[in-house]
C-alpha atoms as a PDB file:
ATOM      1  CA  UNK A   1      -8.763 184.399  -7.625  1.00  0.00           C
ATOM      2  CA  UNK A   2     -12.037 184.843  -5.750  1.00  0.00           C
ATOM      3  CA  UNK A   3     -13.848 188.153  -5.332  1.00  0.00           C
ATOM      4  CA  UNK A   4     -14.850 189.125  -1.826  1.00  0.00           C
ATOM      5  CA  UNK A   5     -16.453 191.965   0.042  1.00  0.00           C
ATOM      6  CA  UNK A   6     -17.666 194.963  -1.895  1.00  0.00           C
ATOM      7  CA  UNK A   7     -16.984 193.503  -5.364  1.00  0.00           C
ATOM      8  CA  UNK A   8     -18.842 190.283  -4.615  1.00  0.00           C
ATOM      9  CA  UNK A   9     -21.797 192.315  -3.306  1.00  0.00           C
ATOM     10  CA  UNK A  10     -21.762 194.500  -6.417  1.00  0.00           C
ATOM     11  CA  UNK A  11     -21.672 191.444  -8.675  1.00  0.00           C
ATOM     12  CA  UNK A  12     -24.563 189.898  -6.754  1.00  0.00           C
ATOM     13  CA  UNK A  13     -26.639 193.105  -7.080  1.00  0.00           C
ATOM     14  CA  UNK A  14     -26.055 193.168 -10.834  1.00  0.00           C
ATOM     15  CA  UNK A  15     -26.979 189.501 -11.156  1.00  0.00           C
ATOM     16  CA  UNK A  16     -30.159 189.904  -9.104  1.00  0.00           C
ATOM     17  CA  UNK A  17     -31.305 192.847 -11.220  1.00  0.00           C
ATOM     18  CA  UNK A  18     -31.249 190.740 -14.401  1.00  0.00           C
ATOM     19  CA  UNK A  19     -34.238 188.697 -15.582  1.00  0.00           C
ATOM     20  CA  UNK A  20     -34.091 185.090 -14.336  1.00  0.00           C
ATOM     21  CA  UNK A  21     -33.213 183.739 -17.787  1.00  0.00           C
ATOM     22  CA  UNK A  22     -30.235 186.130 -18.104  1.00  0.00           C
ATOM     23  CA  UNK A  23     -28.758 185.638 -14.646  1.00  0.00           C
ATOM     24  CA  UNK A  24     -25.113 184.532 -14.869  1.00  0.00           C
ATOM     25  CA  UNK A  25     -23.690 181.746 -12.784  1.00  0.00           C
ATOM     26  CA  UNK A  26     -21.220 182.537 -10.034  1.00  0.00           C
ATOM     27  CA  UNK A  27     -18.429 181.192 -12.240  1.00  0.00           C
ATOM     28  CA  UNK A  28     -19.486 183.463 -15.122  1.00  0.00           C
ATOM     29  CA  UNK A  29     -19.569 186.489 -12.805  1.00  0.00           C
ATOM     30  CA  UNK A  30     -16.131 185.699 -11.392  1.00  0.00           C
ATOM     31  CA  UNK A  31     -14.670 185.166 -14.879  1.00  0.00           C
ATOM     32  CA  UNK A  32     -16.130 188.482 -16.094  1.00  0.00           C
ATOM     33  CA  UNK A  33     -14.724 190.422 -13.149  1.00  0.00           C
ATOM     34  CA  UNK A  34     -11.323 188.743 -13.430  1.00  0.00           C
ATOM     35  CA  UNK A  35     -11.146 189.637 -17.134  1.00  0.00           C
ATOM     36  CA  UNK A  36     -12.218 193.208 -16.372  1.00  0.00           C
ATOM     37  CA  UNK A  37      -9.421 193.769 -13.870  1.00  0.00           C
ATOM     38  CA  UNK A  38      -6.623 191.790 -15.554  1.00  0.00           C
ATOM     39  CA  UNK A  39      -3.393 193.596 -16.406  1.00  0.00           C
ATOM     40  CA  UNK A  40      -2.748 192.950 -20.081  1.00  0.00           C
ATOM     41  CA  UNK A  41      -0.353 193.963 -22.852  1.00  0.00           C
ATOM     42  CA  UNK A  42      -2.109 197.339 -23.336  1.00  0.00           C
ATOM     43  CA  UNK A  43      -1.408 198.262 -19.694  1.00  0.00           C
ATOM     44  CA  UNK A  44       2.167 196.984 -19.899  1.00  0.00           C
ATOM     45  CA  UNK A  45       2.850 199.122 -22.980  1.00  0.00           C
ATOM     46  CA  UNK A  46       1.517 202.220 -21.218  1.00  0.00           C
ATOM     47  CA  UNK A  47       3.397 201.662 -17.970  1.00  0.00           C
ATOM     48  CA  UNK A  48       6.629 201.089 -19.935  1.00  0.00           C
ATOM     49  CA  UNK A  49       6.497 204.887 -20.314  1.00  0.00           C
ATOM     50  CA  UNK A  50       7.106 205.321 -16.573  1.00  0.00           C
ATOM     51  CA  UNK A  51      10.204 207.354 -15.775  1.00  0.00           C
ATOM     52  CA  UNK A  52      11.647 210.856 -15.817  1.00  0.00           C
ATOM     53  CA  UNK A  53      11.257 212.890 -19.002  1.00  0.00           C
ATOM     54  CA  UNK A  54      12.490 216.307 -20.157  1.00  0.00           C
ATOM     55  CA  UNK A  55       9.845 218.111 -22.195  1.00  0.00           C
ATOM     56  CA  UNK A  56       9.906 220.780 -24.887  1.00  0.00           C
ATOM     57  CA  UNK A  57       6.514 222.369 -25.531  1.00  0.00           C
ATOM     58  CA  UNK A  58       5.868 224.487 -28.609  1.00  0.00           C
ATOM     59  CA  UNK A  59       2.532 226.254 -29.105  1.00  0.00           C
ATOM     60  CA  UNK A  60       0.951 229.102 -31.046  1.00  0.00           C
ATOM     61  CA  UNK A  61       0.865 232.424 -29.231  1.00  0.00           C
ATOM     62  CA  UNK A  62      -2.805 232.802 -30.261  1.00  0.00           C
ATOM     63  CA  UNK A  63      -5.179 230.640 -32.316  1.00  0.00           C
ATOM     64  CA  UNK A  64      -4.286 231.173 -35.967  1.00  0.00           C
ATOM     65  CA  UNK A  65      -0.990 232.898 -35.132  1.00  0.00           C
ATOM     66  CA  UNK A  66       2.292 231.985 -36.822  1.00  0.00           C
ATOM     67  CA  UNK A  67       4.189 233.159 -33.738  1.00  0.00           C
ATOM     68  CA  UNK A  68       5.349 230.098 -31.798  1.00  0.00           C
ATOM     69  CA  UNK A  69       6.402 229.959 -28.152  1.00  0.00           C
ATOM     70  CA  UNK A  70       8.731 227.283 -26.723  1.00  0.00           C
ATOM     71  CA  UNK A  71       8.759 226.253 -23.052  1.00  0.00           C
ATOM     72  CA  UNK A  72      10.706 223.551 -21.214  1.00  0.00           C
ATOM     73  CA  UNK A  73       9.633 221.300 -18.355  1.00  0.00           C
ATOM     74  CA  UNK A  74       9.740 217.853 -16.845  1.00  0.00           C
ATOM     75  CA  UNK A  75       7.376 214.936 -16.605  1.00  0.00           C
ATOM     76  CA  UNK A  76       7.508 212.247 -13.946  1.00  0.00           C
ATOM     77  CA  UNK A  77       5.458 209.202 -14.901  1.00  0.00           C
ATOM     78  CA  UNK A  78       4.762 206.193 -12.675  1.00  0.00           C
ATOM     79  CA  UNK A  79       2.897 202.926 -13.031  1.00  0.00           C
ATOM     80  CA  UNK A  80      -0.062 203.000 -10.626  1.00  0.00           C
ATOM     81  CA  UNK A  81      -2.937 200.716  -9.624  1.00  0.00           C
ATOM     82  CA  UNK A  82      -0.674 197.657  -9.762  1.00  0.00           C
ATOM     83  CA  UNK A  83       0.314 198.373 -13.370  1.00  0.00           C
ATOM     84  CA  UNK A  84      -3.138 199.293 -14.688  1.00  0.00           C
ATOM     85  CA  UNK A  85      -2.634 203.060 -15.062  1.00  0.00           C
ATOM     86  CA  UNK A  86       0.145 205.455 -16.074  1.00  0.00           C
ATOM     87  CA  UNK A  87       0.159 208.586 -13.878  1.00  0.00           C
ATOM     88  CA  UNK A  88       2.007 211.712 -15.037  1.00  0.00           C
ATOM     89  CA  UNK A  89       3.026 214.831 -13.112  1.00  0.00           C
ATOM     90  CA  UNK A  90       4.146 217.647 -15.373  1.00  0.00           C
ATOM     91  CA  UNK A  91       5.983 220.792 -14.218  1.00  0.00           C
ATOM     92  CA  UNK A  92       7.369 223.705 -16.158  1.00  0.00           C
ATOM     93  CA  UNK A  93       6.052 226.990 -17.464  1.00  0.00           C
ATOM     94  CA  UNK A  94       3.293 228.042 -19.821  1.00  0.00           C
ATOM     95  CA  UNK A  95       3.158 231.521 -21.335  1.00  0.00           C
ATOM     96  CA  UNK A  96       5.927 232.559 -18.949  1.00  0.00           C
ATOM     97  CA  UNK A  97       4.045 231.442 -15.806  1.00  0.00           C
ATOM     98  CA  UNK A  98       4.751 228.463 -13.544  1.00  0.00           C
ATOM     99  CA  UNK A  99       2.675 225.508 -14.683  1.00  0.00           C
ATOM    100  CA  UNK A 100       1.893 222.043 -13.362  1.00  0.00           C
ATOM    101  CA  UNK A 101      -0.512 219.356 -14.451  1.00  0.00           C
ATOM    102  CA  UNK A 102      -1.491 215.801 -13.648  1.00  0.00           C
ATOM    103  CA  UNK A 103      -2.791 213.129 -15.961  1.00  0.00           C
ATOM    104  CA  UNK A 104      -3.728 209.473 -15.949  1.00  0.00           C
ATOM    105  CA  UNK A 105      -3.932 207.106 -18.899  1.00  0.00           C
ATOM    106  CA  UNK A 106      -5.275 203.575 -18.989  1.00  0.00           C
ATOM    107  CA  UNK A 107      -6.997 200.882 -20.995  1.00  0.00           C
ATOM    108  CA  UNK A 108     -10.500 199.631 -20.143  1.00  0.00           C
ATOM    109  CA  UNK A 109     -10.713 195.865 -20.734  1.00  0.00           C
ATOM    110  CA  UNK A 110     -14.518 195.972 -20.765  1.00  0.00           C
ATOM    111  CA  UNK A 111     -15.062 198.760 -23.318  1.00  0.00           C
ATOM    112  CA  UNK A 112     -11.890 197.981 -25.272  1.00  0.00           C
ATOM    113  CA  UNK A 113     -10.942 201.680 -25.267  1.00  0.00           C
ATOM    114  CA  UNK A 114      -8.046 203.716 -23.999  1.00  0.00           C
ATOM    115  CA  UNK A 115      -8.853 206.683 -21.760  1.00  0.00           C
ATOM    116  CA  UNK A 116      -6.930 209.674 -20.466  1.00  0.00           C
ATOM    117  CA  UNK A 117      -7.615 212.471 -17.972  1.00  0.00           C
ATOM    118  CA  UNK A 118      -5.867 215.796 -17.402  1.00  0.00           C
ATOM    119  CA  UNK A 119      -6.078 218.701 -14.974  1.00  0.00           C
ATOM    120  CA  UNK A 120      -3.644 221.565 -14.508  1.00  0.00           C
ATOM    121  CA  UNK A 121      -3.017 224.951 -12.920  1.00  0.00           C
ATOM    122  CA  UNK A 122      -4.404 226.858 -15.925  1.00  0.00           C
ATOM    123  CA  UNK A 123      -7.947 225.661 -15.202  1.00  0.00           C
ATOM    124  CA  UNK A 124     -10.200 224.217 -12.533  1.00  0.00           C
ATOM    125  CA  UNK A 125     -11.720 221.539 -14.735  1.00  0.00           C
ATOM    126  CA  UNK A 126     -11.000 217.985 -15.733  1.00  0.00           C
ATOM    127  CA  UNK A 127     -10.443 216.845 -19.318  1.00  0.00           C
ATOM    128  CA  UNK A 128     -11.591 213.290 -20.091  1.00  0.00           C
ATOM    129  CA  UNK A 129     -10.866 211.721 -23.473  1.00  0.00           C
ATOM    130  CA  UNK A 130     -11.205 208.285 -25.039  1.00  0.00           C
ATOM    131  CA  UNK A 131      -9.255 206.751 -27.862  1.00  0.00           C
ATOM    132  CA  UNK A 132      -7.361 203.934 -29.457  1.00  0.00           C
ATOM    133  CA  UNK A 133      -3.879 202.795 -30.432  1.00  0.00           C
ATOM    134  CA  UNK A 134      -2.481 202.232 -33.928  1.00  0.00           C
ATOM    135  CA  UNK A 135       0.399 199.724 -33.737  1.00  0.00           C
ATOM    136  CA  UNK A 136       1.506 200.535 -37.311  1.00  0.00           C
ATOM    137  CA  UNK A 137       2.396 204.095 -36.285  1.00  0.00           C
ATOM    138  CA  UNK A 138       2.848 203.486 -32.513  1.00  0.00           C
ATOM    139  CA  UNK A 139       0.317 206.280 -31.936  1.00  0.00           C
ATOM    140  CA  UNK A 140      -2.337 206.721 -29.265  1.00  0.00           C
ATOM    141  CA  UNK A 141      -5.172 209.000 -30.438  1.00  0.00           C
ATOM    142  CA  UNK A 142      -7.589 210.515 -27.912  1.00  0.00           C
ATOM    143  CA  UNK A 143     -10.643 212.660 -28.665  1.00  0.00           C
ATOM    144  CA  UNK A 144     -12.908 214.740 -26.445  1.00  0.00           C
ATOM    145  CA  UNK A 145     -13.338 218.355 -25.470  1.00  0.00           C
ATOM    146  CA  UNK A 146     -11.310 220.879 -23.528  1.00  0.00           C
ATOM    147  CA  UNK A 147     -12.692 224.098 -22.099  1.00  0.00           C
ATOM    148  CA  UNK A 148     -11.599 227.520 -23.312  1.00  0.00           C
ATOM    149  CA  UNK A 149     -12.441 230.267 -20.756  1.00  0.00           C
ATOM    150  CA  UNK A 150     -13.841 232.513 -23.527  1.00  0.00           C
ATOM    151  CA  UNK A 151     -15.299 230.005 -25.983  1.00  0.00           C
ATOM    152  CA  UNK A 152     -16.484 227.132 -23.797  1.00  0.00           C
ATOM    153  CA  UNK A 153     -16.044 223.527 -24.901  1.00  0.00           C
ATOM    154  CA  UNK A 154     -13.667 223.019 -27.819  1.00  0.00           C
ATOM    155  CA  UNK A 155     -13.391 219.685 -29.697  1.00  0.00           C
ATOM    156  CA  UNK A 156      -9.888 218.423 -28.977  1.00  0.00           C
ATOM    157  CA  UNK A 157      -7.692 215.590 -30.248  1.00  0.00           C
ATOM    158  CA  UNK A 158      -4.352 214.407 -28.889  1.00  0.00           C
ATOM    159  CA  UNK A 159      -2.004 212.165 -30.867  1.00  0.00           C
ATOM    160  CA  UNK A 160       0.866 210.697 -28.846  1.00  0.00           C
ATOM    161  CA  UNK A 161       3.444 208.837 -30.917  1.00  0.00           C
ATOM    162  CA  UNK A 162       5.952 206.619 -29.142  1.00  0.00           C
ATOM    163  CA  UNK A 163       9.114 207.084 -31.195  1.00  0.00           C
ATOM    164  CA  UNK A 164      11.058 204.519 -29.149  1.00  0.00           C
ATOM    165  CA  UNK A 165      11.673 203.700 -25.492  1.00  0.00           C
ATOM    166  CA  UNK A 166      13.242 207.110 -24.827  1.00  0.00           C
ATOM    167  CA  UNK A 167      11.332 209.523 -27.081  1.00  0.00           C
ATOM    168  CA  UNK A 168       7.668 210.458 -27.602  1.00  0.00           C
ATOM    169  CA  UNK A 169       5.773 213.286 -29.266  1.00  0.00           C
ATOM    170  CA  UNK A 170       2.289 214.567 -28.406  1.00  0.00           C
ATOM    171  CA  UNK A 171       0.393 216.738 -30.892  1.00  0.00           C
ATOM    172  CA  UNK A 172      -2.673 218.704 -29.733  1.00  0.00           C
ATOM    173  CA  UNK A 173      -5.420 219.664 -32.181  1.00  0.00           C
ATOM    174  CA  UNK A 174      -8.279 222.086 -31.457  1.00  0.00           C
ATOM    175  CA  UNK A 175     -11.334 223.025 -33.496  1.00  0.00           C
ATOM    176  CA  UNK A 176     -12.302 226.587 -32.686  1.00  0.00           C
ATOM    177  CA  UNK A 177     -15.766 227.852 -33.708  1.00  0.00           C
ATOM    178  CA  UNK A 178     -15.957 228.528 -37.440  1.00  0.00           C
ATOM    179  CA  UNK A 179     -12.474 227.139 -38.101  1.00  0.00           C
ATOM    180  CA  UNK A 180     -10.897 223.921 -39.297  1.00  0.00           C
ATOM    181  CA  UNK A 181      -9.219 221.615 -36.803  1.00  0.00           C
ATOM    182  CA  UNK A 182      -5.709 222.996 -36.261  1.00  0.00           C
ATOM    183  CA  UNK A 183      -2.600 221.711 -34.541  1.00  0.00           C
ATOM    184  CA  UNK A 184      -1.988 224.175 -31.704  1.00  0.00           C
ATOM    185  CA  UNK A 185       0.684 222.524 -29.562  1.00  0.00           C
ATOM    186  CA  UNK A 186       3.462 219.937 -29.611  1.00  0.00           C
ATOM    187  CA  UNK A 187       5.203 218.348 -26.629  1.00  0.00           C
ATOM    188  CA  UNK A 188       8.412 216.390 -27.221  1.00  0.00           C
ATOM    189  CA  UNK A 189       9.386 213.966 -24.427  1.00  0.00           C
ATOM    190  CA  UNK A 190      12.989 212.785 -23.954  1.00  0.00           C
ATOM    191  CA  UNK A 191      13.696 210.170 -21.284  1.00  0.00           C
ATOM    192  CA  UNK A 192      16.285 211.252 -18.708  1.00  0.00           C
END
């Protein structure tokens, strides 16, 4: 496959900015770009999660509280970008209010890392996290920060375990100021 247009121009700009001794050949540039955009087994595993899911979300009423709240919803996930990205649209309720959110998850061939993004109706921001996959436990682990309206940025970790083709569990961990990292929420996904 040959690159044309904008991508070829971008590759040429990168090559011209390198010292003469480090300038790649056209074949090396094409091979690098083809490897960067290839759909591989990591993408196929993610997009296998496309479909309709019923969700059960359980979370603490307040940080440190033993009182748990359970809400139900749905998740529609589709393979996007020609199989490179899993897109999710979540609807349900949160703390008794209507709730919707959208996320994307993918694998970057160049960095060798998984990434995920999330935005929803309980904020106006965007969460971006990076992570990896453990095949022994079938678990994706993402780390980053989320924003609490009172406390600002909070270190956050998400562990999503694929329990089979029709069941998955996501655990959400937050580290509030002066406290240990604590599991605050669980979402169980059941394929419909």
